[in-house]
Amino acid sequence: MEENQNINTDNKSTGVMGEVIQWINAVLLALLIALVIRGFIFEPVMVKGDSMQDTLSDSQRLIVYKLGNFFSLPKKGEIIVFQNQAGFFQNLTILDEIPVFRKAFPDFRETNYIKRAIALPGDTVDIRGGSVYVNGEKLDEPYIKGDTNAIGMTFPVKVPENKVFVLGDNRQNSSDSRMIGFISTNKIKGRAVLRIYPFEEFGTLK
């Protein structure tokens, strides 16, 4: 009788352990899927500062679509997120062997900017009379706040290969390509497509 009880106890322990292992595997798989989604498809970001007013405001939360960035350049007029300053992980060269880690895990010291793509490689940008011209054509920009001043750069300028020219919508209060220069395409993280907070302003971005 005692032997049967021991067998039953062992069977129960084995069953519990198997169930725990299944749960651990399920959690690890879910975590892996979440990291892949964050690294290569969608990533949440928070707006910091007023450089994109009145389109975007400080502390708003957005979703960035990253997958399209692997296949093509952003379109002119799209709101993009790019890395302006590398974080702590940038110094860990061992991570070059596992690039998925760099994309999937947030780097607490990394600085990202949110701006609007204005011109692409090969385009000529000019700023005069408070307006922006690309390839000689004046842009219709109903989203901007204030006139666009030609500061920092000497215009007209031609966008180099593998670079883009960006501006903030709040043209009087934006640190953009006029001051920080052209943005390397490999620094672009993706396109801001959806505002998720505040909830009353939930919706797609244009």
N, C-alpha and C. Protein backbone atom coordinates (compact mmCIF):
# COMPACT_ATOMS: atom_id res chain seq x y z
N MET A 1 0.83 -1.20 0.00
CA MET A 1 0.00 0.00 0.00
C MET A 1 0.86 1.25 0.00
N GLU A 2 1.90 1.20 0.85
CA GLU A 2 2.80 2.34 0.95
C GLU A 2 3.53 2.57 -0.38
N GLU A 3 3.89 1.46 -1.05
CA GLU A 3 4.58 1.57 -2.34
C GLU A 3 3.68 2.22 -3.38
N ASN A 4 2.41 1.87 -3.38
CA ASN A 4 1.46 2.48 -4.32
C ASN A 4 1.31 3.98 -4.07
N GLN A 5 1.31 4.36 -2.80
CA GLN A 5 1.20 5.78 -2.46
C GLN A 5 2.41 6.56 -2.97
N ASN A 6 3.59 5.95 -2.85
CA ASN A 6 4.81 6.61 -3.34
C ASN A 6 4.76 6.79 -4.85
N ILE A 7 4.25 5.76 -5.55
CA ILE A 7 4.15 5.84 -7.00
C ILE A 7 3.19 6.95 -7.41
N ASN A 8 2.06 7.02 -6.69
CA ASN A 8 1.08 8.07 -6.99
C ASN A 8 1.66 9.45 -6.74
N THR A 9 2.42 9.58 -5.64
CA THR A 9 3.06 10.87 -5.32
C THR A 9 4.06 11.26 -6.40
N ASP A 10 4.86 10.26 -6.84
CA ASP A 10 5.84 10.53 -7.90
C ASP A 10 5.16 10.95 -9.19
N ASN A 11 4.04 10.28 -9.53
CA ASN A 11 3.31 10.62 -10.75
C ASN A 11 2.76 12.04 -10.68
N LYS A 12 2.24 12.41 -9.49
CA LYS A 12 1.70 13.76 -9.34
C LYS A 12 2.81 14.80 -9.47
N SER A 13 3.99 14.52 -8.86
CA SER A 13 5.12 15.45 -8.93
C SER A 13 5.58 15.63 -10.37
N THR A 14 5.65 14.51 -11.08
CA THR A 14 6.05 14.56 -12.49
C THR A 14 5.06 15.37 -13.31
N GLY A 15 3.76 15.16 -13.02
CA GLY A 15 2.72 15.90 -13.75
C GLY A 15 2.78 17.39 -13.49
N VAL A 16 2.99 17.76 -12.22
CA VAL A 16 3.09 19.18 -11.86
C VAL A 16 4.31 19.81 -12.52
N MET A 17 5.46 19.10 -12.47
CA MET A 17 6.68 19.61 -13.07
C MET A 17 6.51 19.78 -14.58
N GLY A 18 5.85 18.83 -15.22
CA GLY A 18 5.61 18.94 -16.66
C GLY A 18 4.75 20.13 -17.00
N GLU A 19 3.74 20.38 -16.16
CA GLU A 19 2.86 21.52 -16.40
C GLU A 19 3.60 22.84 -16.22
N VAL A 20 4.48 22.88 -15.19
CA VAL A 20 5.28 24.09 -14.97
C VAL A 20 6.19 24.36 -16.16
N ILE A 21 6.82 23.30 -16.67
CA ILE A 21 7.70 23.46 -17.84
C ILE A 21 6.92 23.95 -19.05
N GLN A 22 5.71 23.43 -19.24
CA GLN A 22 4.87 23.90 -20.35
C GLN A 22 4.55 25.38 -20.23
N TRP A 23 4.23 25.81 -18.99
CA TRP A 23 3.94 27.22 -18.77
C TRP A 23 5.17 28.09 -19.04
N ILE A 24 6.33 27.63 -18.59
CA ILE A 24 7.58 28.38 -18.83
C ILE A 24 7.84 28.50 -20.32
N ASN A 25 7.67 27.40 -21.05
CA ASN A 25 7.87 27.42 -22.50
C ASN A 25 6.91 28.39 -23.18
N ALA A 26 5.65 28.40 -22.71
CA ALA A 26 4.65 29.29 -23.30
C ALA A 26 5.01 30.75 -23.05
N VAL A 27 5.47 31.05 -21.82
CA VAL A 27 5.86 32.42 -21.48
C VAL A 27 7.07 32.86 -22.31
N LEU A 28 8.07 31.99 -22.43
CA LEU A 28 9.26 32.31 -23.22
C LEU A 28 8.92 32.53 -24.68
N LEU A 29 8.01 31.72 -25.22
CA LEU A 29 7.59 31.88 -26.61
C LEU A 29 6.86 33.20 -26.80
N ALA A 30 5.97 33.53 -25.85
CA ALA A 30 5.24 34.80 -25.94
C ALA A 30 6.21 35.98 -25.87
N LEU A 31 7.22 35.88 -24.99
CA LEU A 31 8.22 36.94 -24.86
C LEU A 31 9.01 37.09 -26.15
N LEU A 32 9.39 35.96 -26.75
CA LEU A 32 10.13 36.00 -28.01
C LEU A 32 9.32 36.66 -29.11
N ILE A 33 8.04 36.29 -29.20
CA ILE A 33 7.17 36.88 -30.22
C ILE A 33 7.03 38.38 -30.00
N ALA A 34 6.88 38.80 -28.73
CA ALA A 34 6.75 40.22 -28.41
C ALA A 34 8.01 40.99 -28.79
N LEU A 35 9.18 40.39 -28.54
CA LEU A 35 10.44 41.06 -28.89
C LEU A 35 10.61 41.17 -30.40
N VAL A 36 10.22 40.14 -31.12
CA VAL A 36 10.32 40.19 -32.59
C VAL A 36 9.39 41.27 -33.14
N ILE A 37 8.17 41.35 -32.59
CA ILE A 37 7.23 42.38 -33.03
C ILE A 37 7.80 43.76 -32.76
N ARG A 38 8.34 43.96 -31.55
CA ARG A 38 8.90 45.26 -31.19
C ARG A 38 10.12 45.60 -32.03
N GLY A 39 10.94 44.61 -32.28
CA GLY A 39 12.18 44.86 -33.00
C GLY A 39 12.00 45.10 -34.48
N PHE A 40 10.99 44.46 -35.10
CA PHE A 40 10.91 44.48 -36.56
C PHE A 40 9.58 44.96 -37.12
N ILE A 41 8.54 45.09 -36.29
CA ILE A 41 7.24 45.45 -36.85
C ILE A 41 6.67 46.72 -36.22
N PHE A 42 6.36 46.69 -34.93
CA PHE A 42 5.78 47.85 -34.26
C PHE A 42 6.56 48.17 -32.98
N GLU A 43 6.65 49.47 -32.68
CA GLU A 43 7.31 49.88 -31.44
C GLU A 43 6.59 51.10 -30.86
N PRO A 44 6.29 51.10 -29.56
CA PRO A 44 5.68 52.28 -28.95
C PRO A 44 6.74 53.33 -28.65
N VAL A 45 6.41 54.60 -28.86
CA VAL A 45 7.32 55.70 -28.54
C VAL A 45 6.52 56.82 -27.88
N MET A 46 7.23 57.68 -27.17
CA MET A 46 6.59 58.83 -26.55
C MET A 46 7.17 60.12 -27.13
N VAL A 47 6.30 61.06 -27.43
CA VAL A 47 6.73 62.37 -27.94
C VAL A 47 7.33 63.17 -26.79
N LYS A 48 8.50 63.74 -27.04
CA LYS A 48 9.15 64.60 -26.05
C LYS A 48 9.43 65.96 -26.67
N GLY A 49 8.87 66.99 -26.08
CA GLY A 49 9.08 68.33 -26.60
C GLY A 49 7.95 68.80 -27.50
N ASP A 50 8.13 70.00 -28.05
CA ASP A 50 7.08 70.65 -28.82
C ASP A 50 7.44 70.86 -30.29
N SER A 51 8.46 70.17 -30.77
CA SER A 51 8.94 70.43 -32.13
C SER A 51 7.97 70.00 -33.22
N MET A 52 6.97 69.16 -32.86
CA MET A 52 6.01 68.71 -33.87
C MET A 52 4.62 69.30 -33.67
N GLN A 53 4.49 70.31 -32.82
CA GLN A 53 3.19 70.97 -32.69
C GLN A 53 2.81 71.66 -34.00
N ASP A 54 1.55 71.74 -34.35
CA ASP A 54 0.41 71.28 -33.59
C ASP A 54 -0.02 69.85 -33.95
N THR A 55 0.79 69.18 -34.74
CA THR A 55 0.47 67.81 -35.14
C THR A 55 0.57 66.85 -33.96
N LEU A 56 1.68 66.97 -33.22
CA LEU A 56 1.93 66.13 -32.06
C LEU A 56 2.31 67.01 -30.88
N SER A 57 1.99 66.54 -29.68
CA SER A 57 2.29 67.30 -28.47
C SER A 57 3.11 66.46 -27.50
N ASP A 58 3.78 67.15 -26.59
CA ASP A 58 4.61 66.50 -25.59
C ASP A 58 3.82 65.46 -24.81
N SER A 59 4.45 64.31 -24.59
CA SER A 59 3.92 63.19 -23.78
C SER A 59 2.88 62.34 -24.50
N GLN A 60 2.56 62.64 -25.74
CA GLN A 60 1.67 61.75 -26.48
C GLN A 60 2.39 60.44 -26.79
N ARG A 61 1.62 59.36 -26.88
CA ARG A 61 2.19 58.04 -27.20
C ARG A 61 1.81 57.64 -28.62
N LEU A 62 2.81 57.12 -29.33
CA LEU A 62 2.60 56.74 -30.73
C LEU A 62 3.04 55.30 -30.96
N ILE A 63 2.56 54.75 -32.08
CA ILE A 63 3.04 53.46 -32.56
C ILE A 63 3.84 53.71 -33.83
N VAL A 64 5.05 53.16 -33.86
CA VAL A 64 5.92 53.29 -35.03
C VAL A 64 5.91 51.98 -35.80
N TYR A 65 5.63 52.08 -37.10
CA TYR A 65 5.66 50.91 -37.98
C TYR A 65 7.06 50.80 -38.57
N LYS A 66 7.74 49.68 -38.29
CA LYS A 66 9.14 49.53 -38.64
C LYS A 66 9.40 48.65 -39.86
N LEU A 67 8.48 47.75 -40.15
CA LEU A 67 8.74 46.75 -41.18
C LEU A 67 9.00 47.37 -42.54
N GLY A 68 8.20 48.38 -42.91
CA GLY A 68 8.37 49.00 -44.22
C GLY A 68 9.71 49.66 -44.39
N ASN A 69 10.34 50.06 -43.28
CA ASN A 69 11.63 50.72 -43.35
C ASN A 69 12.73 49.81 -43.86
N PHE A 70 12.54 48.49 -43.75
CA PHE A 70 13.55 47.55 -44.22
C PHE A 70 13.56 47.43 -45.74
N PHE A 71 12.49 47.89 -46.39
CA PHE A 71 12.36 47.67 -47.82
C PHE A 71 12.40 48.96 -48.65
N SER A 72 12.13 50.10 -48.04
CA SER A 72 12.08 51.32 -48.83
C SER A 72 12.34 52.54 -47.96
N LEU A 73 12.64 53.65 -48.61
CA LEU A 73 12.82 54.92 -47.93
C LEU A 73 11.45 55.46 -47.49
N PRO A 74 11.44 56.35 -46.50
CA PRO A 74 10.15 56.97 -46.15
C PRO A 74 9.66 57.83 -47.30
N LYS A 75 8.38 58.06 -47.36
CA LYS A 75 7.82 58.94 -48.37
C LYS A 75 7.90 60.38 -47.88
N LYS A 76 7.99 61.30 -48.82
CA LYS A 76 8.03 62.71 -48.45
C LYS A 76 6.74 63.09 -47.73
N GLY A 77 6.90 63.76 -46.62
CA GLY A 77 5.75 64.19 -45.83
C GLY A 77 5.39 63.25 -44.70
N GLU A 78 5.99 62.05 -44.66
CA GLU A 78 5.70 61.11 -43.59
C GLU A 78 6.41 61.51 -42.30
N ILE A 79 5.78 61.20 -41.18
CA ILE A 79 6.39 61.44 -39.87
C ILE A 79 7.23 60.22 -39.51
N ILE A 80 8.51 60.45 -39.26
CA ILE A 80 9.41 59.33 -38.99
C ILE A 80 10.08 59.50 -37.63
N VAL A 81 10.55 58.37 -37.11
CA VAL A 81 11.32 58.35 -35.87
C VAL A 81 12.71 57.85 -36.21
N PHE A 82 13.72 58.56 -35.74
CA PHE A 82 15.10 58.15 -36.02
C PHE A 82 15.97 58.32 -34.79
N GLN A 83 17.04 57.57 -34.77
CA GLN A 83 17.98 57.64 -33.65
C GLN A 83 18.89 58.85 -33.83
N ASN A 84 18.88 59.75 -32.86
CA ASN A 84 19.76 60.91 -32.91
C ASN A 84 21.02 60.70 -32.09
N GLN A 85 20.89 59.94 -31.02
CA GLN A 85 22.05 59.67 -30.16
C GLN A 85 22.01 58.22 -29.71
N ALA A 86 23.12 57.55 -29.91
CA ALA A 86 23.21 56.14 -29.53
C ALA A 86 23.18 55.99 -28.02
N GLY A 87 22.76 54.83 -27.56
CA GLY A 87 22.68 54.55 -26.13
C GLY A 87 23.83 53.69 -25.64
N PHE A 88 23.65 53.14 -24.47
CA PHE A 88 24.68 52.34 -23.82
C PHE A 88 25.02 51.09 -24.62
N PHE A 89 24.00 50.44 -25.20
CA PHE A 89 24.22 49.19 -25.91
C PHE A 89 25.12 49.37 -27.12
N GLN A 90 25.24 50.61 -27.63
CA GLN A 90 26.04 50.87 -28.81
C GLN A 90 27.50 50.49 -28.58
N ASN A 91 27.95 50.57 -27.33
CA ASN A 91 29.34 50.28 -27.00
C ASN A 91 29.61 48.80 -26.81
N LEU A 92 28.54 48.00 -26.77
CA LEU A 92 28.71 46.56 -26.58
C LEU A 92 28.83 45.89 -27.95
N THR A 93 30.05 45.82 -28.46
CA THR A 93 30.26 45.31 -29.82
C THR A 93 29.86 43.85 -29.95
N ILE A 94 29.81 43.13 -28.84
CA ILE A 94 29.39 41.72 -28.91
C ILE A 94 27.98 41.59 -29.44
N LEU A 95 27.17 42.67 -29.27
CA LEU A 95 25.79 42.62 -29.74
C LEU A 95 25.69 42.70 -31.26
N ASP A 96 26.81 43.07 -31.92
CA ASP A 96 26.81 43.07 -33.39
C ASP A 96 26.57 41.67 -33.93
N GLU A 97 26.89 40.66 -33.11
CA GLU A 97 26.69 39.27 -33.53
C GLU A 97 25.22 38.85 -33.42
N ILE A 98 24.46 39.61 -32.63
CA ILE A 98 23.03 39.32 -32.47
C ILE A 98 22.24 40.62 -32.65
N PRO A 99 22.16 41.11 -33.91
CA PRO A 99 21.51 42.40 -34.16
C PRO A 99 20.06 42.47 -33.72
N VAL A 100 19.40 41.30 -33.63
CA VAL A 100 18.01 41.30 -33.18
C VAL A 100 17.90 41.86 -31.77
N PHE A 101 18.96 41.68 -30.96
CA PHE A 101 18.95 42.20 -29.59
C PHE A 101 18.89 43.73 -29.63
N ARG A 102 19.70 44.35 -30.49
CA ARG A 102 19.72 45.81 -30.57
C ARG A 102 18.34 46.35 -30.96
N LYS A 103 17.65 45.65 -31.84
CA LYS A 103 16.36 46.13 -32.32
C LYS A 103 15.23 45.85 -31.34
N ALA A 104 15.34 44.77 -30.60
CA ALA A 104 14.22 44.33 -29.77
C ALA A 104 14.20 44.95 -28.38
N PHE A 105 15.39 45.23 -27.82
CA PHE A 105 15.45 45.72 -26.45
C PHE A 105 15.63 47.23 -26.43
N PRO A 106 14.82 47.96 -25.66
CA PRO A 106 14.97 49.41 -25.56
C PRO A 106 16.27 49.77 -24.85
N ASP A 107 16.95 50.78 -25.34
CA ASP A 107 18.18 51.27 -24.75
C ASP A 107 17.86 52.55 -24.00
N PHE A 108 17.98 52.51 -22.67
CA PHE A 108 17.49 53.62 -21.86
C PHE A 108 18.25 54.92 -22.09
N ARG A 109 19.43 54.87 -22.71
CA ARG A 109 20.19 56.10 -22.97
C ARG A 109 20.08 56.57 -24.42
N GLU A 110 19.37 55.84 -25.22
CA GLU A 110 19.21 56.22 -26.63
C GLU A 110 18.27 57.41 -26.75
N THR A 111 18.60 58.34 -27.65
CA THR A 111 17.75 59.50 -27.90
C THR A 111 17.18 59.42 -29.30
N ASN A 112 15.86 59.42 -29.40
CA ASN A 112 15.19 59.37 -30.69
C ASN A 112 14.47 60.69 -30.95
N TYR A 113 14.43 61.10 -32.22
CA TYR A 113 13.72 62.30 -32.63
C TYR A 113 12.54 61.91 -33.51
N ILE A 114 11.51 62.72 -33.44
CA ILE A 114 10.34 62.56 -34.31
C ILE A 114 10.23 63.79 -35.19
N LYS A 115 10.35 63.61 -36.48
CA LYS A 115 10.29 64.72 -37.44
C LYS A 115 9.53 64.28 -38.68
N ARG A 116 9.40 65.21 -39.61
CA ARG A 116 8.73 64.90 -40.87
C ARG A 116 9.76 64.83 -42.00
N ALA A 117 9.72 63.75 -42.79
CA ALA A 117 10.62 63.61 -43.93
C ALA A 117 10.22 64.60 -45.01
N ILE A 118 11.15 65.44 -45.41
CA ILE A 118 10.86 66.50 -46.38
C ILE A 118 11.47 66.21 -47.74
N ALA A 119 12.71 65.69 -47.73
CA ALA A 119 13.39 65.43 -49.00
C ALA A 119 14.23 64.17 -48.88
N LEU A 120 14.40 63.48 -50.02
CA LEU A 120 15.09 62.20 -50.09
C LEU A 120 16.39 62.33 -50.86
N PRO A 121 17.21 61.28 -50.90
CA PRO A 121 18.49 61.36 -51.61
C PRO A 121 18.34 61.87 -53.04
N GLY A 122 19.20 62.85 -53.39
CA GLY A 122 19.17 63.43 -54.73
C GLY A 122 18.31 64.66 -54.86
N ASP A 123 17.40 64.91 -53.91
CA ASP A 123 16.54 66.10 -53.95
C ASP A 123 17.34 67.35 -53.57
N THR A 124 16.91 68.47 -54.11
CA THR A 124 17.50 69.76 -53.75
C THR A 124 16.51 70.54 -52.90
N VAL A 125 16.97 70.97 -51.73
CA VAL A 125 16.11 71.68 -50.79
C VAL A 125 16.52 73.14 -50.73
N ASP A 126 15.51 74.02 -50.77
CA ASP A 126 15.76 75.44 -50.60
C ASP A 126 14.74 76.00 -49.62
N ILE A 127 15.17 76.94 -48.82
CA ILE A 127 14.28 77.63 -47.88
C ILE A 127 14.42 79.12 -48.12
N ARG A 128 13.32 79.74 -48.50
CA ARG A 128 13.35 81.18 -48.74
C ARG A 128 11.95 81.75 -48.55
N GLY A 129 11.90 82.96 -48.07
CA GLY A 129 10.61 83.61 -47.90
C GLY A 129 9.69 82.90 -46.92
N GLY A 130 10.27 82.16 -45.98
CA GLY A 130 9.45 81.46 -44.99
C GLY A 130 8.86 80.15 -45.47
N SER A 131 9.23 79.70 -46.67
CA SER A 131 8.67 78.48 -47.25
C SER A 131 9.78 77.52 -47.65
N VAL A 132 9.39 76.26 -47.88
CA VAL A 132 10.33 75.21 -48.27
C VAL A 132 10.08 74.84 -49.73
N TYR A 133 11.16 74.70 -50.48
CA TYR A 133 11.08 74.28 -51.87
C TYR A 133 11.91 73.01 -52.05
N VAL A 134 11.34 72.03 -52.72
CA VAL A 134 12.05 70.80 -53.04
C VAL A 134 12.06 70.63 -54.55
N ASN A 135 13.28 70.58 -55.10
CA ASN A 135 13.46 70.50 -56.56
C ASN A 135 12.74 71.64 -57.27
N GLY A 136 12.79 72.83 -56.66
CA GLY A 136 12.22 74.03 -57.25
C GLY A 136 10.74 74.23 -57.05
N GLU A 137 10.07 73.26 -56.42
CA GLU A 137 8.63 73.35 -56.22
C GLU A 137 8.31 73.68 -54.76
N LYS A 138 7.51 74.71 -54.56
CA LYS A 138 7.13 75.12 -53.21
C LYS A 138 6.20 74.08 -52.60
N LEU A 139 6.52 73.68 -51.37
CA LEU A 139 5.71 72.67 -50.70
C LEU A 139 4.44 73.28 -50.10
N ASP A 140 3.36 72.56 -50.23
CA ASP A 140 2.11 72.92 -49.56
C ASP A 140 2.10 72.19 -48.23
N GLU A 141 2.28 72.93 -47.14
CA GLU A 141 2.43 72.31 -45.83
C GLU A 141 1.40 72.86 -44.84
N PRO A 142 0.18 72.39 -44.91
CA PRO A 142 -0.87 72.89 -44.02
C PRO A 142 -0.66 72.49 -42.56
N TYR A 143 0.25 71.56 -42.32
CA TYR A 143 0.48 71.04 -40.97
C TYR A 143 1.47 71.88 -40.15
N ILE A 144 2.18 72.82 -40.77
CA ILE A 144 3.25 73.50 -40.05
C ILE A 144 2.73 74.62 -39.15
N LYS A 145 3.56 74.96 -38.18
CA LYS A 145 3.29 76.06 -37.26
C LYS A 145 4.42 77.08 -37.41
N GLY A 146 4.09 78.25 -37.94
CA GLY A 146 5.09 79.29 -38.14
C GLY A 146 5.81 79.17 -39.47
N ASP A 147 6.53 80.24 -39.82
CA ASP A 147 7.32 80.24 -41.06
C ASP A 147 8.58 79.39 -40.88
N THR A 148 9.13 78.96 -42.02
CA THR A 148 10.36 78.17 -42.01
C THR A 148 11.54 79.07 -42.32
N ASN A 149 12.44 79.21 -41.38
CA ASN A 149 13.61 80.07 -41.56
C ASN A 149 14.82 79.25 -41.98
N ALA A 150 15.65 79.84 -42.81
CA ALA A 150 16.88 79.19 -43.27
C ALA A 150 17.98 79.44 -42.24
N ILE A 151 18.09 78.56 -41.27
CA ILE A 151 19.10 78.69 -40.23
C ILE A 151 20.00 77.46 -40.25
N GLY A 152 21.23 77.65 -39.79
CA GLY A 152 22.15 76.52 -39.71
C GLY A 152 22.80 76.21 -41.05
N MET A 153 22.08 75.60 -41.95
CA MET A 153 22.60 75.25 -43.27
C MET A 153 22.59 76.44 -44.21
N THR A 154 23.40 76.34 -45.25
CA THR A 154 23.35 77.30 -46.34
C THR A 154 22.54 76.69 -47.47
N PHE A 155 21.47 77.34 -47.85
CA PHE A 155 20.58 76.81 -48.88
C PHE A 155 20.77 77.54 -50.19
N PRO A 156 20.46 76.85 -51.32
CA PRO A 156 19.92 75.48 -51.45
C PRO A 156 20.99 74.42 -51.20
N VAL A 157 20.52 73.21 -50.83
CA VAL A 157 21.41 72.07 -50.59
C VAL A 157 20.84 70.84 -51.29
N LYS A 158 21.75 69.94 -51.66
CA LYS A 158 21.33 68.68 -52.27
C LYS A 158 21.48 67.57 -51.24
N VAL A 159 20.45 66.75 -51.11
CA VAL A 159 20.47 65.66 -50.13
C VAL A 159 21.41 64.56 -50.64
N PRO A 160 22.43 64.20 -49.84
CA PRO A 160 23.37 63.16 -50.27
C PRO A 160 22.73 61.78 -50.33
N GLU A 161 23.47 60.87 -50.92
CA GLU A 161 23.04 59.47 -51.00
C GLU A 161 22.91 58.89 -49.59
N ASN A 162 21.89 58.07 -49.39
CA ASN A 162 21.63 57.40 -48.10
C ASN A 162 21.34 58.37 -46.96
N LYS A 163 20.81 59.53 -47.31
CA LYS A 163 20.43 60.53 -46.30
C LYS A 163 19.03 61.05 -46.60
N VAL A 164 18.40 61.63 -45.59
CA VAL A 164 17.12 62.32 -45.78
C VAL A 164 17.19 63.66 -45.06
N PHE A 165 16.36 64.59 -45.51
CA PHE A 165 16.26 65.91 -44.90
C PHE A 165 14.95 65.97 -44.14
N VAL A 166 15.00 66.32 -42.85
CA VAL A 166 13.80 66.33 -42.02
C VAL A 166 13.58 67.69 -41.38
N LEU A 167 12.31 68.00 -41.10
CA LEU A 167 11.95 69.21 -40.39
C LEU A 167 10.86 68.89 -39.38
N GLY A 168 10.84 69.64 -38.28
CA GLY A 168 9.73 69.56 -37.35
C GLY A 168 8.59 70.43 -37.83
N ASP A 169 7.37 70.10 -37.46
CA ASP A 169 6.22 70.91 -37.90
C ASP A 169 6.20 72.28 -37.22
N ASN A 170 6.74 72.37 -36.02
CA ASN A 170 6.83 73.65 -35.31
C ASN A 170 8.13 74.32 -35.75
N ARG A 171 8.08 74.99 -36.87
CA ARG A 171 9.30 75.45 -37.53
C ARG A 171 10.10 76.48 -36.74
N GLN A 172 9.47 77.17 -35.81
CA GLN A 172 10.18 78.15 -35.00
C GLN A 172 10.82 77.53 -33.76
N ASN A 173 10.53 76.26 -33.51
CA ASN A 173 11.02 75.62 -32.29
C ASN A 173 11.32 74.15 -32.55
N SER A 174 12.23 73.90 -33.47
CA SER A 174 12.55 72.52 -33.83
C SER A 174 14.03 72.37 -34.17
N SER A 175 14.66 71.40 -33.52
CA SER A 175 16.04 71.04 -33.86
C SER A 175 15.97 69.93 -34.90
N ASP A 176 16.20 70.29 -36.15
CA ASP A 176 16.03 69.35 -37.25
C ASP A 176 17.22 69.42 -38.19
N SER A 177 17.03 69.03 -39.45
CA SER A 177 18.17 68.97 -40.38
C SER A 177 18.84 70.31 -40.59
N ARG A 178 18.14 71.38 -40.34
CA ARG A 178 18.77 72.70 -40.47
C ARG A 178 19.93 72.86 -39.49
N MET A 179 19.81 72.21 -38.32
CA MET A 179 20.85 72.31 -37.30
C MET A 179 21.68 71.03 -37.14
N ILE A 180 21.02 69.88 -37.20
CA ILE A 180 21.74 68.63 -36.93
C ILE A 180 22.20 67.92 -38.20
N GLY A 181 21.83 68.48 -39.35
CA GLY A 181 22.28 67.90 -40.62
C GLY A 181 21.35 66.83 -41.17
N PHE A 182 21.79 66.24 -42.26
CA PHE A 182 21.01 65.18 -42.90
C PHE A 182 21.00 63.93 -42.00
N ILE A 183 19.94 63.15 -42.14
CA ILE A 183 19.77 61.95 -41.32
C ILE A 183 20.10 60.72 -42.15
N SER A 184 20.99 59.89 -41.63
CA SER A 184 21.35 58.65 -42.32
C SER A 184 20.14 57.71 -42.34
N THR A 185 19.93 57.08 -43.47
CA THR A 185 18.77 56.20 -43.60
C THR A 185 18.85 55.01 -42.64
N ASN A 186 20.08 54.61 -42.27
CA ASN A 186 20.20 53.47 -41.33
C ASN A 186 19.89 53.87 -39.89
N LYS A 187 19.66 55.15 -39.65
CA LYS A 187 19.26 55.62 -38.33
C LYS A 187 17.73 55.71 -38.19
N ILE A 188 17.03 55.58 -39.30
CA ILE A 188 15.57 55.68 -39.27
C ILE A 188 14.99 54.39 -38.69
N LYS A 189 14.16 54.53 -37.66
CA LYS A 189 13.57 53.36 -37.01
C LYS A 189 12.24 52.97 -37.62
N GLY A 190 11.52 53.95 -38.16
CA GLY A 190 10.24 53.63 -38.77
C GLY A 190 9.36 54.85 -38.92
N ARG A 191 8.12 54.59 -39.28
CA ARG A 191 7.14 55.64 -39.56
C ARG A 191 6.08 55.66 -38.46
N ALA A 192 5.84 56.85 -37.90
CA ALA A 192 4.80 57.00 -36.89
C ALA A 192 3.44 56.92 -37.57
N VAL A 193 2.64 55.93 -37.21
CA VAL A 193 1.39 55.69 -37.93
C VAL A 193 0.14 55.87 -37.08
N LEU A 194 0.28 55.78 -35.75
CA LEU A 194 -0.91 55.76 -34.90
C LEU A 194 -0.63 56.47 -33.58
N ARG A 195 -1.57 57.33 -33.18
CA ARG A 195 -1.51 57.95 -31.86
C ARG A 195 -2.43 57.14 -30.94
N ILE A 196 -1.87 56.62 -29.84
CA ILE A 196 -2.66 55.77 -28.95
C ILE A 196 -2.97 56.44 -27.62
N TYR A 197 -2.32 57.58 -27.35
CA TYR A 197 -2.60 58.32 -26.11
C TYR A 197 -2.28 59.79 -26.33
N PRO A 198 -3.13 60.70 -25.86
CA PRO A 198 -4.34 60.48 -25.05
C PRO A 198 -5.45 59.80 -25.85
N PHE A 199 -6.30 59.08 -25.13
CA PHE A 199 -7.30 58.24 -25.78
C PHE A 199 -8.28 59.03 -26.63
N GLU A 200 -8.58 60.26 -26.20
CA GLU A 200 -9.53 61.06 -26.97
C GLU A 200 -8.96 61.52 -28.31
N GLU A 201 -7.66 61.39 -28.51
CA GLU A 201 -7.04 61.75 -29.77
C GLU A 201 -6.53 60.52 -30.51
N PHE A 202 -7.00 59.36 -30.12
CA PHE A 202 -6.58 58.11 -30.77
C PHE A 202 -6.91 58.17 -32.26
N GLY A 203 -5.93 57.78 -33.07
CA GLY A 203 -6.17 57.75 -34.51
C GLY A 203 -4.89 57.73 -35.31
N THR A 204 -5.02 57.56 -36.61
CA THR A 204 -3.87 57.52 -37.50
C THR A 204 -3.29 58.91 -37.68
N LEU A 205 -2.00 58.93 -38.09
CA LEU A 205 -1.28 60.19 -38.27
C LEU A 205 -1.10 60.48 -39.74
N LYS A 206 -1.09 61.77 -40.06
CA LYS A 206 -0.85 62.20 -41.44
C LYS A 206 0.21 63.28 -41.45
